[in-house]
């Protein structure tokens, strides 16, 4: 193992940053209880989804070079936080703090980077990690300098872009375990192997797990119906608003959704779902699962509270409800999602 790696004191920022990655679980892959630091020269940077990648050439004490892969937050996450990736360039000498691979490989989950300038760049915690930084100053966080007048003019009730406050645990993540699993659900969970996770593959997150997404989504009118567009995996959920609509014969990743209004609240009932995993930690769901969602805006549509009630008699002993909320940031938009499966 590279002798330049030093175990450091675990700080709260690592816990917060680990939550950032929860929608693509790193449980079983990285060791959050053993934070490390590595110092090296950046040879490659790839800002993609669902994770970014930095490759560092790290020199050992004997002069040999070890190539380290550092997994980071995705380009969508950075964009959503108003973070510029331009602070990191190939050829820079940096120190990366994060969580090491449980397999003792030169592979880690990066949370914070100490730049050669002495300033610090973080991938999601919003907190400084290095004592060596200039008074703990973070760089790279800013409000996007764009014209939001059109977004404000086009916003119409629920029909606008909704984002996530990632620093608030009541907003993200929504899936935290401790569900009312029955005996079969417990057996399936115990058998789950986090290293053989289909959720590492692009476009495999279905209903209701897609609703954990921390990156922008919006609602647009599509005739009499409503189209929910989620940036993650370029996901599209069609909400049928007329009684004449009928589900297809086969189940699908997002199922068949029927909506109705209760005042300003949109209520969506979904069935015919074919998505094997309920959450990122291995809980299963069956094709008998149904969900009832409530999208509840506040008076000025600056916040959207979300409730989802889940019923699945195959793996859960009773219905249960999860909650989170979204916020409206007019400077945000739903971008194309460039997905690169885990290497």
Protein backbone atom coordinates (compact mmCIF):
# COMPACT_ATOMS: atom_id res chain seq x y z
CA UNK A 1 0.00 0.00 0.00
CA UNK A 2 1.26 3.46 -0.85
CA UNK A 3 3.22 4.84 2.14
CA UNK A 4 2.07 8.38 1.40
CA UNK A 5 -1.41 7.41 2.54
CA UNK A 6 -2.09 8.59 6.07
CA UNK A 7 -5.11 7.81 8.14
CA UNK A 8 -6.70 11.04 9.34
CA UNK A 9 -9.32 11.94 11.90
CA UNK A 10 -12.86 11.33 10.68
CA UNK A 11 -14.74 14.60 10.47
CA UNK A 12 -18.41 15.34 10.14
CA UNK A 13 -17.81 16.56 6.61
CA UNK A 14 -17.12 13.00 5.50
CA UNK A 15 -20.48 11.87 6.84
CA UNK A 16 -22.25 14.68 5.04
CA UNK A 17 -20.38 13.96 1.85
CA UNK A 18 -21.16 10.26 2.05
CA UNK A 19 -24.83 11.19 2.03
CA UNK A 20 -24.20 12.92 -1.27
CA UNK A 21 -23.41 9.61 -2.91
CA UNK A 22 -26.27 7.69 -1.28
CA UNK A 23 -28.43 7.61 -4.40
CA UNK A 24 -25.76 5.40 -6.00
CA UNK A 25 -24.78 3.40 -2.94
CA UNK A 26 -21.11 3.07 -2.06
CA UNK A 27 -21.87 0.86 0.94
CA UNK A 28 -19.62 -2.18 0.84
CA UNK A 29 -17.21 -0.58 -1.63
CA UNK A 30 -15.63 2.27 0.36
CA UNK A 31 -14.76 2.40 4.07
CA UNK A 32 -16.28 5.55 5.59
CA UNK A 33 -14.72 4.73 8.98
CA UNK A 34 -11.14 4.89 7.67
CA UNK A 35 -10.62 8.22 5.86
CA UNK A 36 -7.32 8.67 4.04
CA UNK A 37 -5.33 11.28 2.12
CA UNK A 38 -3.27 10.82 -1.03
CA UNK A 39 -1.06 13.36 -2.82
CA UNK A 40 -0.23 13.19 -6.51
CA UNK A 41 -0.40 14.66 -9.99
CA UNK A 42 -3.73 14.64 -11.86
CA UNK A 43 -3.31 12.67 -15.08
CA UNK A 44 -6.97 12.42 -16.12
CA UNK A 45 -10.26 14.09 -15.19
CA UNK A 46 -13.66 12.93 -16.38
CA UNK A 47 -16.77 14.85 -15.32
CA UNK A 48 -19.62 12.48 -16.07
CA UNK A 49 -22.72 10.95 -14.51
CA UNK A 50 -23.50 9.25 -12.22
CA UNK A 51 -19.96 9.85 -10.88
CA UNK A 52 -16.91 11.81 -11.91
CA UNK A 53 -13.42 10.35 -12.01
CA UNK A 54 -9.96 11.72 -11.27
CA UNK A 55 -6.83 9.65 -11.91
CA UNK A 56 -3.80 10.58 -9.79
CA UNK A 57 -0.18 9.52 -10.25
CA UNK A 58 1.08 9.06 -6.69
CA UNK A 59 4.81 8.66 -6.01
CA UNK A 60 5.85 6.15 -3.36
CA UNK A 61 8.85 6.65 -1.09
CA UNK A 62 10.89 4.35 -3.32
CA UNK A 63 10.13 6.54 -6.34
CA UNK A 64 7.66 4.20 -8.01
CA UNK A 65 4.33 5.56 -9.27
CA UNK A 66 0.92 4.16 -8.29
CA UNK A 67 -2.10 5.16 -10.33
CA UNK A 68 -5.07 5.96 -8.10
CA UNK A 69 -8.69 6.15 -9.27
CA UNK A 70 -10.72 8.71 -7.33
CA UNK A 71 -14.50 8.60 -7.70
CA UNK A 72 -16.20 11.97 -7.19
CA UNK A 73 -19.56 13.66 -7.39
CA UNK A 74 -21.21 13.77 -10.80
CA UNK A 75 -21.29 16.71 -13.18
CA UNK A 76 -25.01 17.08 -12.45
CA UNK A 77 -24.31 17.39 -8.71
CA UNK A 78 -21.60 19.99 -9.28
CA UNK A 79 -23.85 21.94 -11.63
CA UNK A 80 -26.74 21.81 -9.17
CA UNK A 81 -24.53 23.31 -6.46
CA UNK A 82 -23.16 26.05 -8.69
CA UNK A 83 -19.70 24.49 -8.52
CA UNK A 84 -17.13 25.04 -11.24
CA UNK A 85 -15.00 22.03 -12.19
CA UNK A 86 -12.41 24.31 -13.75
CA UNK A 87 -10.55 24.60 -10.45
CA UNK A 88 -9.08 21.15 -11.17
CA UNK A 89 -6.85 20.66 -14.20
CA UNK A 90 -4.69 17.86 -15.56
CA UNK A 91 -1.13 18.30 -14.34
CA UNK A 92 -2.12 19.86 -10.99
CA UNK A 93 -0.52 18.51 -7.83
CA UNK A 94 -3.28 18.00 -5.26
CA UNK A 95 -4.09 16.17 -2.05
CA UNK A 96 -7.37 14.25 -2.02
CA UNK A 97 -9.17 13.20 1.16
CA UNK A 98 -11.81 10.51 1.10
CA UNK A 99 -12.80 6.93 1.76
CA UNK A 100 -10.55 4.03 0.69
CA UNK A 101 -11.60 0.88 -1.12
CA UNK A 102 -12.51 -1.96 1.23
CA UNK A 103 -10.46 -4.25 -1.02
CA UNK A 104 -7.24 -2.32 -0.38
CA UNK A 105 -7.02 -1.31 -4.02
CA UNK A 106 -5.76 2.12 -5.22
CA UNK A 107 -9.36 3.29 -5.52
CA UNK A 108 -11.19 5.78 -3.30
CA UNK A 109 -14.24 7.97 -2.94
CA UNK A 110 -13.00 11.56 -2.96
CA UNK A 111 -14.73 14.09 -0.73
CA UNK A 112 -12.33 17.06 -0.54
CA UNK A 113 -9.30 18.27 -2.51
CA UNK A 114 -6.51 20.53 -1.27
CA UNK A 115 -5.24 22.52 -4.23
CA UNK A 116 -1.65 23.63 -4.77
CA UNK A 117 -2.82 27.19 -4.07
CA UNK A 118 -3.72 26.15 -0.52
CA UNK A 119 -7.42 26.51 -1.11
CA UNK A 120 -9.82 23.64 -0.80
CA UNK A 121 -12.41 22.19 -3.18
CA UNK A 122 -15.20 19.93 -1.92
CA UNK A 123 -17.49 17.57 -3.81
CA UNK A 124 -20.61 17.95 -1.75
CA UNK A 125 -20.10 18.31 1.97
CA UNK A 126 -19.95 22.11 1.85
CA UNK A 127 -17.44 21.89 4.72
CA UNK A 128 -13.69 22.35 4.89
CA UNK A 129 -11.63 19.24 5.66
CA UNK A 130 -7.97 20.27 5.62
CA UNK A 131 -6.39 22.23 8.46
CA UNK A 132 -3.74 23.31 5.96
CA UNK A 133 -6.25 25.32 3.90
CA UNK A 134 -6.31 29.11 3.96
CA UNK A 135 -8.55 29.51 7.02
CA UNK A 136 -10.62 26.60 5.76
CA UNK A 137 -11.74 28.58 2.73
CA UNK A 138 -13.60 26.64 0.06
CA UNK A 139 -13.60 27.67 -3.55
CA UNK A 140 -15.76 26.67 -6.46
CA UNK A 141 -19.15 27.41 -4.90
CA UNK A 142 -21.03 30.24 -6.54
CA UNK A 143 -24.37 31.28 -7.93
CA UNK A 144 -24.53 30.70 -11.69
CA UNK A 145 -24.28 33.99 -13.56
CA UNK A 146 -27.24 33.51 -15.89
CA UNK A 147 -30.35 35.41 -16.89
CA UNK A 148 -33.27 33.89 -14.97
CA UNK A 149 -35.94 36.25 -16.28
CA UNK A 150 -37.27 33.73 -18.80
CA UNK A 151 -37.46 30.96 -16.21
CA UNK A 152 -39.36 33.25 -13.86
CA UNK A 153 -41.73 34.35 -16.61
CA UNK A 154 -42.46 30.77 -17.70
CA UNK A 155 -42.96 29.33 -14.21
CA UNK A 156 -46.63 28.43 -13.80
CA UNK A 157 -47.68 26.81 -10.57
CA UNK A 158 -46.17 23.34 -10.34
CA UNK A 159 -44.76 23.67 -13.86
CA UNK A 160 -41.20 24.80 -13.19
CA UNK A 161 -37.81 23.28 -12.36
CA UNK A 162 -37.41 21.78 -8.88
CA UNK A 163 -34.06 21.25 -7.14
CA UNK A 164 -32.73 19.75 -3.91
CA UNK A 165 -31.13 21.26 -0.81
CA UNK A 166 -28.52 18.57 -0.36
CA UNK A 167 -27.26 19.87 2.98
CA UNK A 168 -30.65 19.27 4.64
CA UNK A 169 -31.27 15.61 5.63
CA UNK A 170 -35.02 16.22 5.54
CA UNK A 171 -34.64 16.88 1.81
CA UNK A 172 -31.98 14.32 0.88
CA UNK A 173 -31.62 11.38 1.04
CA UNK A 174 -35.19 10.11 1.32
CA UNK A 175 -34.37 6.38 1.51
CA UNK A 176 -32.72 5.64 4.84
CA UNK A 177 -33.69 2.04 5.61
CA UNK A 178 -35.71 0.78 8.59
CA UNK A 179 -38.73 -0.05 6.45
CA UNK A 180 -41.41 -2.50 7.70
CA UNK A 181 -39.92 -5.50 5.89
CA UNK A 182 -41.63 -8.84 6.27
CA UNK A 183 -39.70 -12.14 6.56
CA UNK A 184 -39.26 -12.44 2.79
CA UNK A 185 -38.07 -8.85 2.55
CA UNK A 186 -35.52 -9.47 5.30
CA UNK A 187 -34.23 -12.59 3.52
CA UNK A 188 -33.79 -10.72 0.23
CA UNK A 189 -32.00 -7.86 1.97
CA UNK A 190 -29.61 -10.24 3.74
CA UNK A 191 -28.75 -11.89 0.41
CA UNK A 192 -27.91 -8.61 -1.35
CA UNK A 193 -24.33 -8.17 -2.56
CA UNK A 194 -23.39 -4.46 -2.82
CA UNK A 195 -20.53 -5.32 -5.18
CA UNK A 196 -22.96 -6.82 -7.70
CA UNK A 197 -25.40 -3.94 -7.86
CA UNK A 198 -27.45 -3.41 -11.03
CA UNK A 199 -27.96 0.20 -9.95
CA UNK A 200 -24.37 0.84 -11.10
CA UNK A 201 -25.72 0.39 -14.62
CA UNK A 202 -27.13 3.39 -16.43
CA UNK A 203 -30.89 3.74 -16.57
CA UNK A 204 -31.79 1.01 -14.07
CA UNK A 205 -33.42 3.15 -11.40
CA UNK A 206 -37.22 2.89 -11.55
CA UNK A 207 -40.24 4.01 -9.60
CA UNK A 208 -40.14 4.86 -6.74
CA UNK A 209 -36.32 4.90 -6.31
CA UNK A 210 -35.91 7.53 -9.04
CA UNK A 211 -37.63 9.99 -6.71
CA UNK A 212 -34.54 10.04 -4.47
CA UNK A 213 -32.76 11.99 -7.21
CA UNK A 214 -30.95 15.10 -5.91
CA UNK A 215 -30.62 16.71 -9.34
CA UNK A 216 -33.21 18.85 -11.12
CA UNK A 217 -36.60 17.75 -12.39
CA UNK A 218 -39.55 19.62 -13.81
CA UNK A 219 -43.18 19.22 -14.82
CA UNK A 220 -44.37 20.13 -18.30
CA UNK A 221 -47.79 19.93 -19.90
CA UNK A 222 -48.20 17.28 -22.58
CA UNK A 223 -51.70 17.72 -23.94
CA UNK A 224 -54.09 16.82 -21.14
CA UNK A 225 -51.34 14.92 -19.31
CA UNK A 226 -48.27 15.90 -17.29
CA UNK A 227 -44.74 14.86 -18.14
CA UNK A 228 -42.29 14.68 -15.26
CA UNK A 229 -38.74 15.08 -16.58
CA UNK A 230 -35.90 14.05 -14.28
CA UNK A 231 -32.35 14.85 -15.31
CA UNK A 232 -31.03 11.64 -13.77
CA UNK A 233 -30.78 9.02 -16.55
CA UNK A 234 -32.97 11.34 -18.71
CA UNK A 235 -35.93 9.72 -16.94
CA UNK A 236 -39.46 10.51 -18.09
CA UNK A 237 -42.63 9.74 -16.15
CA UNK A 238 -45.95 10.38 -17.89
CA UNK A 239 -48.81 11.19 -15.52
CA UNK A 240 -52.17 10.47 -17.12
CA UNK A 241 -54.76 13.02 -16.08
CA UNK A 242 -57.79 11.57 -17.90
CA UNK A 243 -59.95 8.61 -16.93
CA UNK A 244 -59.76 7.12 -20.42
CA UNK A 245 -56.07 6.22 -20.15
CA UNK A 246 -55.37 2.50 -19.70
CA UNK A 247 -52.12 0.80 -18.62
CA UNK A 248 -50.13 -1.33 -21.03
CA UNK A 249 -50.26 -5.11 -20.74
CA UNK A 250 -46.71 -5.31 -19.42
CA UNK A 251 -45.17 -3.60 -16.42
CA UNK A 252 -42.45 -0.99 -16.94
CA UNK A 253 -39.64 0.70 -15.04
CA UNK A 254 -41.78 3.68 -14.03
CA UNK A 255 -45.15 1.94 -14.18
CA UNK A 256 -48.49 3.47 -15.06
CA UNK A 257 -49.29 6.76 -13.30
CA UNK A 258 -52.68 8.41 -13.00
CA UNK A 259 -52.96 11.89 -11.49
CA UNK A 260 -55.56 14.23 -10.10
CA UNK A 261 -55.61 17.65 -8.49
CA UNK A 262 -56.68 18.35 -4.90
CA UNK A 263 -56.54 22.13 -4.92
CA UNK A 264 -52.93 22.94 -5.77
CA UNK A 265 -51.70 19.49 -4.69
CA UNK A 266 -50.97 16.92 -7.39
CA UNK A 267 -51.80 13.35 -6.32
CA UNK A 268 -50.31 10.54 -8.41
CA UNK A 269 -51.17 6.85 -8.09
CA UNK A 270 -48.81 4.39 -9.79
CA UNK A 271 -48.91 0.63 -10.42
CA UNK A 272 -47.69 -1.80 -13.11
CA UNK A 273 -44.10 -1.18 -11.96
CA UNK A 274 -41.23 -3.48 -12.97
CA UNK A 275 -38.24 -2.28 -10.94
CA UNK A 276 -36.43 -4.83 -8.81
CA UNK A 277 -34.86 -2.63 -6.12
CA UNK A 278 -36.75 -0.39 -3.73
CA UNK A 279 -33.67 1.44 -2.49
CA UNK A 280 -29.91 1.70 -3.01
CA UNK A 281 -29.15 -0.52 0.00
CA UNK A 282 -30.60 -3.74 -1.37
CA UNK A 283 -34.25 -3.70 -0.28
CA UNK A 284 -36.35 -5.45 -2.92
CA UNK A 285 -39.75 -4.59 -4.35
CA UNK A 286 -42.18 -6.78 -6.28
CA UNK A 287 -44.36 -6.22 -9.33
CA UNK A 288 -47.27 -5.84 -6.92
CA UNK A 289 -45.90 -2.59 -5.52
CA UNK A 290 -48.11 0.51 -5.73
CA UNK A 291 -47.33 4.09 -4.76
CA UNK A 292 -49.40 7.17 -3.96
CA UNK A 293 -47.48 10.45 -4.26
CA UNK A 294 -48.46 13.94 -3.15
CA UNK A 295 -46.70 17.01 -4.54
CA UNK A 296 -47.66 19.84 -2.19
CA UNK A 297 -46.51 23.39 -3.07
CA UNK A 298 -46.34 26.27 -0.63
CA UNK A 299 -48.16 29.53 -1.35
CA UNK A 300 -45.48 31.19 -3.53
CA UNK A 301 -44.26 27.93 -5.12
CA UNK A 302 -40.76 28.31 -3.72
CA UNK A 303 -40.98 24.90 -2.05
CA UNK A 304 -42.58 21.59 -3.00
CA UNK A 305 -43.22 19.07 -0.23
CA UNK A 306 -43.30 15.46 -1.34
CA UNK A 307 -44.95 12.46 0.28
CA UNK A 308 -44.98 8.91 -1.06
CA UNK A 309 -46.96 6.03 0.44
CA UNK A 310 -45.72 2.58 -0.58
CA UNK A 311 -47.66 -0.69 -0.52
CA UNK A 312 -46.02 -4.01 -1.43
CA UNK A 313 -47.47 -7.14 0.21
CA UNK A 314 -44.64 -9.35 -1.06
CA UNK A 315 -41.74 -7.70 0.79
CA UNK A 316 -43.30 -5.24 3.27
CA UNK A 317 -45.57 -6.01 6.21
CA UNK A 318 -47.62 -2.81 5.92
CA UNK A 319 -47.90 0.41 3.89
CA UNK A 320 -45.51 3.20 4.90
CA UNK A 321 -44.81 6.81 3.94
CA UNK A 322 -41.55 8.61 3.10
CA UNK A 323 -41.11 12.37 2.74
CA UNK A 324 -38.73 14.94 1.34
CA UNK A 325 -38.99 18.39 -0.27
CA UNK A 326 -37.79 20.26 -3.36
CA UNK A 327 -37.10 23.97 -3.89
CA UNK A 328 -37.40 26.28 -6.86
CA UNK A 329 -34.17 27.83 -8.06
CA UNK A 330 -34.93 29.68 -11.32
CA UNK A 331 -31.27 29.51 -12.36
CA UNK A 332 -31.47 25.71 -12.58
CA UNK A 333 -32.62 23.68 -15.57
CA UNK A 334 -32.96 20.03 -16.59
CA UNK A 335 -29.89 19.07 -18.65
CA UNK A 336 -29.08 16.01 -20.71
CA UNK A 337 -27.61 13.25 -18.57
CA UNK A 338 -24.33 11.79 -19.83
CA UNK A 339 -24.16 8.45 -18.06
CA UNK A 340 -20.96 6.42 -17.79
CA UNK A 341 -21.34 3.07 -16.04
CA UNK A 342 -18.98 2.26 -13.20
CA UNK A 343 -15.59 1.34 -14.63
